[in-house]
Amino acid sequence: MTDDWKAGLGWGDDFAAALAPHAEKGLEPARVTLVYRKQLKVLSRRGEHWARTGGRILHKAESAEDHPAVGDWVAARVPDEGEALVHALLPRRSAIVRKVAGHQHAPQVIAANIDFLLLVMGLDLDFNPRRLERYLALSWESRAKPVVVLNKADVCDELEFFLEETKAVAPDAPIHVVSALEGRGLDELSQYVGRGKTTAFLGSSGVGKSSLVNRILGVELQATGELKDDGKGKHTTTTRELIVLPTGGALIDNPGLREIQLWDADEGLTRAFDDIAALGKGCRFSDCRHQQEPGCAVQAALEDGTLADDRYEAWRQLERELAALEKPKRGAPETKRRDRVGHGKRR
């Protein structure tokens, strides 16, 4: 495999500069394609190898965020055959991070170095504007570019209603209406996939992410389930894996998320609710919490109907979640996730 494989997967000058001191020690670049418990799979110029994480990374890690995730570029010692050893994690351009499921207060990196995050919702019983707001906050915080994909147009009789609902919560993101079953609208998604790009799919179980991946790839690579009696697809993807496209670029099909809780997403929340942020600039007090303070422009917008009650309540719910997360984190190191994400130039 020639050095061209790196460019096809989005390698750039920022990664090359980060690798330089490790290259002097004989290490080479590799990209993480799979994380399975404590084992990794990495792709290098020598092909794909199982790998393990070196003790230096584990010793220096402040949290799970500092461990290699699917999509990461790493400096590794890769043999022609056998197990590779990952010595260093290269700074990320983007990182999709959520709070782990359950009651544990810890971050989980879903995927790293993503260019486009396709947020898939079904135009059936799956459609939920409140969930989409969460996805958008997660996306904007990650530094990946969110794209809303409304799948299952073939079963939708109220398309204009769903489009208006989507535009109301995602005014700054591209919105595409598709049908993976019929192949409708998929050509529009080609601009987000290809050489030098890494594209991830995110959505709940049964929305058709794997079907979309198969349509884009042109082969039945991802297993899909038949429709259940309620018309919803069965959950089939069980692990997230980086799939290298024959023409260059990569796709990541994430398992359906039963819950999505934010982690260090202040900037993402502001961007996802930029209408409330814009209203807040008109408040009398700069530290207004938009509840019962006098001169609150957000409360005024609620009273005159400019701002919908459910939109405001969704924002308040996410604000409360982030505030609750801050309490157990106060004794943790001060380094924020956004400081660990590289600020390399976006393409």
Protein backbone atom coordinates (compact mmCIF):
# COMPACT_ATOMS: atom_id res chain seq x y z
CA MET A 1 0.00 0.00 0.00
CA THR A 2 1.46 3.39 -1.00
CA ASP A 3 1.37 6.64 0.97
CA ASP A 4 -1.65 7.60 -1.13
CA TRP A 5 -3.85 5.56 1.20
CA LYS A 6 -3.44 8.23 3.87
CA ALA A 7 -4.63 11.08 1.65
CA GLY A 8 -7.64 9.02 0.67
CA LEU A 9 -8.61 8.80 4.35
CA GLY A 10 -8.13 12.51 5.08
CA TRP A 11 -4.51 12.64 6.20
CA GLY A 12 -3.13 16.19 6.12
CA ASP A 13 -0.32 18.49 7.19
CA ASP A 14 -1.72 18.76 10.72
CA PHE A 15 -1.46 15.01 11.28
CA ALA A 16 1.96 14.89 9.61
CA ALA A 17 3.30 17.57 11.96
CA ALA A 18 1.92 15.73 15.01
CA LEU A 19 3.46 12.47 13.82
CA ALA A 20 6.94 13.91 13.14
CA PRO A 21 8.48 13.41 16.62
CA HIS A 22 7.12 9.85 16.74
CA ALA A 23 8.37 9.09 13.23
CA GLU A 24 11.89 9.88 14.44
CA LYS A 25 11.51 6.91 16.78
CA GLY A 26 10.53 4.59 13.95
CA LEU A 27 6.75 4.79 14.47
CA GLU A 28 4.34 5.08 11.56
CA PRO A 29 0.79 6.37 11.09
CA ALA A 30 -2.22 4.10 11.37
CA ARG A 31 -5.94 4.68 11.64
CA VAL A 32 -8.18 2.90 14.13
CA THR A 33 -10.93 1.00 12.31
CA LEU A 34 -12.43 -1.00 15.18
CA VAL A 35 -12.43 -0.97 18.98
CA TYR A 36 -13.52 -4.22 20.59
CA ARG A 37 -13.25 -4.17 24.38
CA LYS A 38 -9.50 -3.75 25.00
CA GLN A 39 -8.43 -4.65 21.47
CA LEU A 40 -8.11 -2.46 18.40
CA LYS A 41 -7.86 -2.91 14.70
CA VAL A 42 -5.66 -0.42 12.86
CA LEU A 43 -5.06 0.22 9.18
CA SER A 44 -1.57 1.18 7.99
CA ARG A 45 0.45 0.98 4.80
CA ARG A 46 0.99 -2.68 5.71
CA GLY A 47 -2.73 -3.44 5.77
CA GLU A 48 -5.08 -4.08 8.71
CA HIS A 49 -3.75 -5.50 11.99
CA TRP A 50 -5.07 -6.25 15.43
CA ALA A 51 -3.35 -3.94 17.91
CA ARG A 52 -3.09 -3.11 21.57
CA THR A 53 -2.65 0.21 23.33
CA GLY A 54 0.76 0.89 24.82
CA GLY A 55 1.20 1.47 28.54
CA ARG A 56 2.32 5.09 28.04
CA ILE A 57 -1.08 6.06 26.65
CA LEU A 58 -2.92 4.22 29.41
CA HIS A 59 -0.74 5.80 32.10
CA LYS A 60 -1.19 9.35 30.81
CA ALA A 61 -4.92 9.03 30.12
CA GLU A 62 -7.04 11.32 32.31
CA SER A 63 -10.29 9.73 31.13
CA ALA A 64 -11.73 7.42 28.50
CA GLU A 65 -11.53 10.34 26.05
CA ASP A 66 -7.76 9.85 25.92
CA HIS A 67 -8.01 6.26 24.71
CA PRO A 68 -8.02 5.46 20.97
CA ALA A 69 -11.46 5.46 19.35
CA VAL A 70 -12.75 4.48 15.93
CA GLY A 71 -11.47 7.04 13.44
CA ASP A 72 -8.41 8.10 15.43
CA TRP A 73 -5.01 8.49 13.80
CA VAL A 74 -2.26 6.99 15.93
CA ALA A 75 1.51 6.53 15.93
CA ALA A 76 2.20 2.82 16.05
CA ARG A 77 4.82 0.17 15.60
CA VAL A 78 3.35 -2.12 12.96
CA PRO A 79 5.01 -5.41 11.98
CA ASP A 80 4.56 -7.07 8.63
CA GLU A 81 2.61 -9.76 10.47
CA GLY A 82 1.18 -10.03 13.96
CA GLU A 83 -0.02 -7.52 16.52
CA ALA A 84 0.68 -3.79 16.27
CA LEU A 85 1.43 -1.58 19.27
CA VAL A 86 -0.09 1.91 19.53
CA HIS A 87 2.30 4.35 21.20
CA ALA A 88 0.57 7.73 20.79
CA LEU A 89 -2.77 9.26 19.91
CA LEU A 90 -2.55 12.12 17.38
CA PRO A 91 -4.61 15.28 18.07
CA ARG A 92 -8.16 15.00 16.76
CA ARG A 93 -9.78 17.33 14.27
CA SER A 94 -13.16 16.38 15.66
CA ALA A 95 -14.54 14.04 18.30
CA ILE A 96 -18.12 12.92 18.86
CA VAL A 97 -18.37 12.58 22.63
CA ARG A 98 -21.36 11.68 24.77
CA LYS A 99 -21.86 10.72 28.39
CA VAL A 100 -21.73 6.95 28.76
CA ALA A 101 -25.10 5.26 29.13
CA GLY A 102 -26.40 4.74 32.65
CA HIS A 103 -25.51 6.53 35.87
CA GLN A 104 -21.73 6.60 35.47
CA HIS A 105 -20.29 10.10 34.99
CA ALA A 106 -17.74 9.48 32.27
CA PRO A 107 -17.29 10.43 28.61
CA GLN A 108 -17.43 8.07 25.65
CA VAL A 109 -15.85 8.94 22.30
CA ILE A 110 -18.19 7.53 19.67
CA ALA A 111 -15.91 8.38 16.74
CA ALA A 112 -13.05 10.73 15.90
CA ASN A 113 -11.86 12.77 12.93
CA ILE A 114 -15.29 12.88 11.32
CA ASP A 115 -15.94 15.42 8.56
CA PHE A 116 -19.69 14.92 8.16
CA LEU A 117 -22.13 13.49 10.68
CA LEU A 118 -25.31 12.30 9.00
CA LEU A 119 -28.15 12.43 11.52
CA VAL A 120 -30.70 9.89 10.33
CA MET A 121 -34.34 10.04 11.39
CA GLY A 122 -37.20 7.96 10.04
CA LEU A 123 -40.30 9.63 8.61
CA ASP A 124 -42.43 7.30 10.69
CA LEU A 125 -42.86 6.76 14.42
CA ASP A 126 -39.13 7.43 14.90
CA PHE A 127 -39.37 11.14 14.05
CA ASN A 128 -38.66 13.23 17.15
CA PRO A 129 -37.59 16.92 17.03
CA ARG A 130 -36.38 16.77 20.63
CA ARG A 131 -33.99 13.93 19.84
CA LEU A 132 -32.78 15.80 16.76
CA GLU A 133 -31.92 18.79 18.96
CA ARG A 134 -29.72 16.52 21.06
CA TYR A 135 -28.01 15.13 17.96
CA LEU A 136 -27.37 18.65 16.68
CA ALA A 137 -25.86 19.80 19.98
CA LEU A 138 -23.61 16.74 19.94
CA SER A 139 -22.62 17.44 16.33
CA TRP A 140 -21.85 21.13 16.70
CA GLU A 141 -19.75 20.45 19.79
CA SER A 142 -17.81 17.71 17.98
CA ARG A 143 -16.63 20.05 15.19
CA ALA A 144 -18.04 17.67 12.59
CA LYS A 145 -20.57 19.15 10.16
CA PRO A 146 -24.11 17.88 10.81
CA VAL A 147 -26.37 16.82 7.94
CA VAL A 148 -29.98 15.83 8.63
CA VAL A 149 -31.22 12.82 6.65
CA LEU A 150 -34.95 12.09 6.75
CA ASN A 151 -35.26 8.48 5.62
CA LYS A 152 -38.33 6.38 4.71
CA ALA A 153 -39.94 8.99 2.48
CA ASP A 154 -41.76 6.07 0.84
CA VAL A 155 -43.99 5.65 3.91
CA CYS A 156 -44.61 9.35 4.61
CA ASP A 157 -47.87 11.09 3.69
CA GLU A 158 -47.11 14.35 5.52
CA LEU A 159 -43.73 15.30 4.13
CA GLU A 160 -44.24 19.09 4.29
CA PHE A 161 -45.16 18.87 7.97
CA PHE A 162 -42.02 16.89 8.83
CA LEU A 163 -39.85 19.25 6.76
CA GLU A 164 -41.17 22.31 8.56
CA GLU A 165 -40.64 20.61 11.94
CA THR A 166 -37.07 19.78 10.94
CA LYS A 167 -36.25 23.25 9.61
CA ALA A 168 -37.49 24.77 12.87
CA VAL A 169 -34.85 22.92 14.92
CA ALA A 170 -32.08 22.61 12.30
CA PRO A 171 -31.99 25.91 10.38
CA ASP A 172 -28.22 25.82 9.88
CA ALA A 173 -27.85 22.20 8.74
CA PRO A 174 -28.51 20.73 5.28
CA ILE A 175 -31.67 18.60 5.21
CA HIS A 176 -32.18 15.72 2.77
CA VAL A 177 -35.31 13.62 2.26
CA VAL A 178 -34.47 10.11 1.06
CA SER A 179 -35.76 6.58 0.75
CA ALA A 180 -33.11 3.89 1.18
CA LEU A 181 -35.70 1.31 0.11
CA GLU A 182 -36.43 2.98 -3.22
CA GLY A 183 -33.08 4.71 -3.70
CA ARG A 184 -34.77 8.11 -3.76
CA GLY A 185 -32.64 11.19 -2.99
CA LEU A 186 -29.43 9.25 -2.38
CA ASP A 187 -27.51 11.07 -5.11
CA GLU A 188 -27.68 14.19 -2.96
CA LEU A 189 -25.72 12.41 -0.22
CA SER A 190 -22.75 11.71 -2.50
CA GLN A 191 -21.31 15.17 -1.77
CA TYR A 192 -20.63 14.08 1.83
CA VAL A 193 -18.89 10.83 0.92
CA GLY A 194 -15.69 10.14 -0.97
CA ARG A 195 -11.95 10.51 -1.15
CA GLY A 196 -10.43 12.42 1.75
CA LYS A 197 -13.71 12.46 3.72
CA THR A 198 -14.86 10.49 6.74
CA THR A 199 -18.61 10.28 7.17
CA ALA A 200 -20.46 8.87 10.18
CA PHE A 201 -24.12 7.90 10.51
CA LEU A 202 -25.98 8.48 13.76
CA GLY A 203 -29.55 7.62 14.65
CA SER A 204 -31.76 5.36 16.69
CA SER A 205 -32.25 1.67 15.97
CA GLY A 206 -34.24 0.76 12.89
CA VAL A 207 -34.08 4.09 11.04
CA GLY A 208 -32.25 2.54 8.08
CA LYS A 209 -28.64 3.62 8.64
CA SER A 210 -27.23 0.29 7.45
CA SER A 211 -29.51 0.33 4.41
CA LEU A 212 -28.22 3.79 3.54
CA VAL A 213 -24.62 2.63 3.94
CA ASN A 214 -25.27 -0.32 1.64
CA ARG A 215 -26.89 1.93 -0.95
CA ILE A 216 -23.95 4.32 -0.90
CA LEU A 217 -21.41 1.50 -1.06
CA GLY A 218 -23.32 -0.28 -3.80
CA VAL A 219 -22.93 -3.63 -2.03
CA GLU A 220 -24.69 -5.41 0.83
CA LEU A 221 -21.84 -4.91 3.30
CA GLN A 222 -23.91 -4.04 6.39
CA ALA A 223 -26.53 -6.49 7.63
CA THR A 224 -30.09 -5.17 7.59
CA GLY A 225 -33.22 -6.50 9.23
CA GLU A 226 -36.64 -7.01 7.76
CA LEU A 227 -39.43 -4.68 8.81
CA LYS A 228 -41.31 -5.52 11.99
CA ASP A 229 -45.11 -5.43 12.24
CA ASP A 230 -45.05 -1.74 13.19
CA GLY A 231 -43.13 -0.87 10.02
CA LYS A 232 -39.87 -0.13 11.79
CA GLY A 233 -36.61 -1.79 10.87
CA LYS A 234 -34.90 -4.18 13.24
CA HIS A 235 -31.64 -3.13 14.90
CA THR A 236 -28.78 -4.89 13.11
CA THR A 237 -25.53 -2.92 13.61
CA THR A 238 -23.89 -4.01 16.86
CA THR A 239 -20.42 -2.44 16.59
CA ARG A 240 -19.08 0.76 15.06
CA GLU A 241 -16.42 0.19 12.46
CA LEU A 242 -14.62 2.39 9.98
CA ILE A 243 -15.26 1.08 6.46
CA VAL A 244 -12.75 2.16 3.80
CA LEU A 245 -14.37 2.92 0.44
CA PRO A 246 -12.79 1.50 -2.72
CA THR A 247 -12.64 5.00 -4.21
CA GLY A 248 -11.20 6.58 -1.07
CA GLY A 249 -12.80 8.00 2.03
CA ALA A 250 -14.47 6.14 4.88
CA LEU A 251 -17.88 5.48 6.42
CA ILE A 252 -18.78 4.72 10.04
CA ASP A 253 -22.13 3.09 10.75
CA ASN A 254 -22.85 3.50 14.45
CA PRO A 255 -25.13 1.14 16.39
CA GLY A 256 -28.49 2.63 17.23
CA LEU A 257 -28.27 4.74 20.39
CA ARG A 258 -30.86 3.97 23.06
CA GLU A 259 -29.99 7.18 24.87
CA ILE A 260 -27.89 10.20 24.01
CA GLN A 261 -26.67 12.35 26.87
CA LEU A 262 -24.38 15.29 26.23
CA TRP A 263 -20.90 15.78 27.68
CA ASP A 264 -19.10 19.16 27.83
CA ALA A 265 -21.46 20.49 25.17
CA ASP A 266 -21.89 24.16 26.11
CA GLU A 267 -20.82 25.42 22.69
CA GLY A 268 -22.83 22.75 20.89
CA LEU A 269 -25.95 23.57 22.90
CA THR A 270 -25.62 27.28 22.11
CA ARG A 271 -25.25 26.51 18.40
CA ALA A 272 -28.16 24.03 18.38
CA PHE A 273 -30.39 26.62 20.07
CA ASP A 274 -28.98 29.70 18.38
CA ASP A 275 -32.47 31.22 18.23
CA ILE A 276 -32.59 31.32 22.05
CA ALA A 277 -28.99 32.56 22.18
CA ALA A 278 -29.91 35.39 19.79
CA LEU A 279 -32.93 36.33 21.89
CA GLY A 280 -30.77 36.29 25.02
CA LYS A 281 -28.65 39.15 23.66
CA GLY A 282 -31.66 41.38 24.19
CA CYS A 283 -32.03 40.59 27.91
CA ARG A 284 -31.56 43.40 30.43
CA PHE A 285 -28.91 41.46 32.36
CA SER A 286 -25.95 39.75 30.71
CA ASP A 287 -26.14 36.82 33.16
CA CYS A 288 -29.88 36.30 32.66
CA ARG A 289 -30.93 32.66 33.08
CA HIS A 290 -34.10 33.25 31.03
CA GLN A 291 -36.45 32.17 33.79
CA GLN A 292 -38.03 34.87 35.97
CA GLU A 293 -35.53 37.72 35.66
CA PRO A 294 -36.94 41.15 34.79
CA GLY A 295 -36.32 42.33 31.27
CA CYS A 296 -35.79 38.80 29.91
CA ALA A 297 -36.15 38.81 26.11
CA VAL A 298 -36.56 35.02 26.02
CA GLN A 299 -39.54 35.13 28.40
CA ALA A 300 -41.02 37.95 26.34
CA ALA A 301 -40.71 35.81 23.21
CA LEU A 302 -42.51 32.97 25.01
CA GLU A 303 -45.33 35.29 25.99
CA ASP A 304 -45.89 36.67 22.50
CA GLY A 305 -45.51 33.29 20.81
CA THR A 306 -42.28 34.09 18.95
CA LEU A 307 -40.60 31.21 20.80
CA ALA A 308 -42.46 27.89 21.14
CA ASP A 309 -42.90 26.48 24.63
CA ASP A 310 -41.66 22.99 23.69
CA ARG A 311 -38.51 24.45 22.12
CA TYR A 312 -37.77 26.42 25.29
CA GLU A 313 -38.46 23.43 27.54
CA ALA A 314 -36.14 21.25 25.46
CA TRP A 315 -33.37 23.82 25.88
CA ARG A 316 -34.00 24.01 29.64
CA GLN A 317 -33.85 20.20 29.92
CA LEU A 318 -30.45 20.04 28.22
CA GLU A 319 -29.19 22.96 30.30
CA ARG A 320 -30.17 21.08 33.47
CA GLU A 321 -28.42 17.92 32.25
CA LEU A 322 -25.18 19.76 31.61
CA ALA A 323 -25.38 21.51 34.97
CA ALA A 324 -25.90 18.17 36.73
CA LEU A 325 -22.83 16.76 34.97
CA GLU A 326 -20.65 19.59 36.20
CA LYS A 327 -21.08 18.65 39.87
CA PRO A 328 -19.26 15.28 39.85
CA LYS A 329 -16.65 16.70 37.47
CA ARG A 330 -15.56 19.54 39.77
CA GLY A 331 -12.88 17.42 41.41
CA ALA A 332 -11.56 16.20 38.06
CA PRO A 333 -8.65 17.75 36.12
CA GLU A 334 -9.47 21.11 34.61
CA THR A 335 -8.56 20.13 31.05
CA LYS A 336 -11.66 20.43 28.88
CA ARG A 337 -12.44 18.17 25.96
CA ARG A 338 -12.32 21.03 23.52
CA ASP A 339 -8.70 21.66 24.53
CA ARG A 340 -7.83 18.10 23.54
CA VAL A 341 -9.34 18.41 20.08
CA GLY A 342 -6.83 19.76 17.58
CA HIS A 343 -7.57 23.06 15.87
CA GLY A 344 -6.27 21.98 12.47
CA LYS A 345 -7.62 23.77 9.41
CA ARG A 346 -10.88 22.30 8.17
CA ARG A 347 -11.09 21.26 4.56
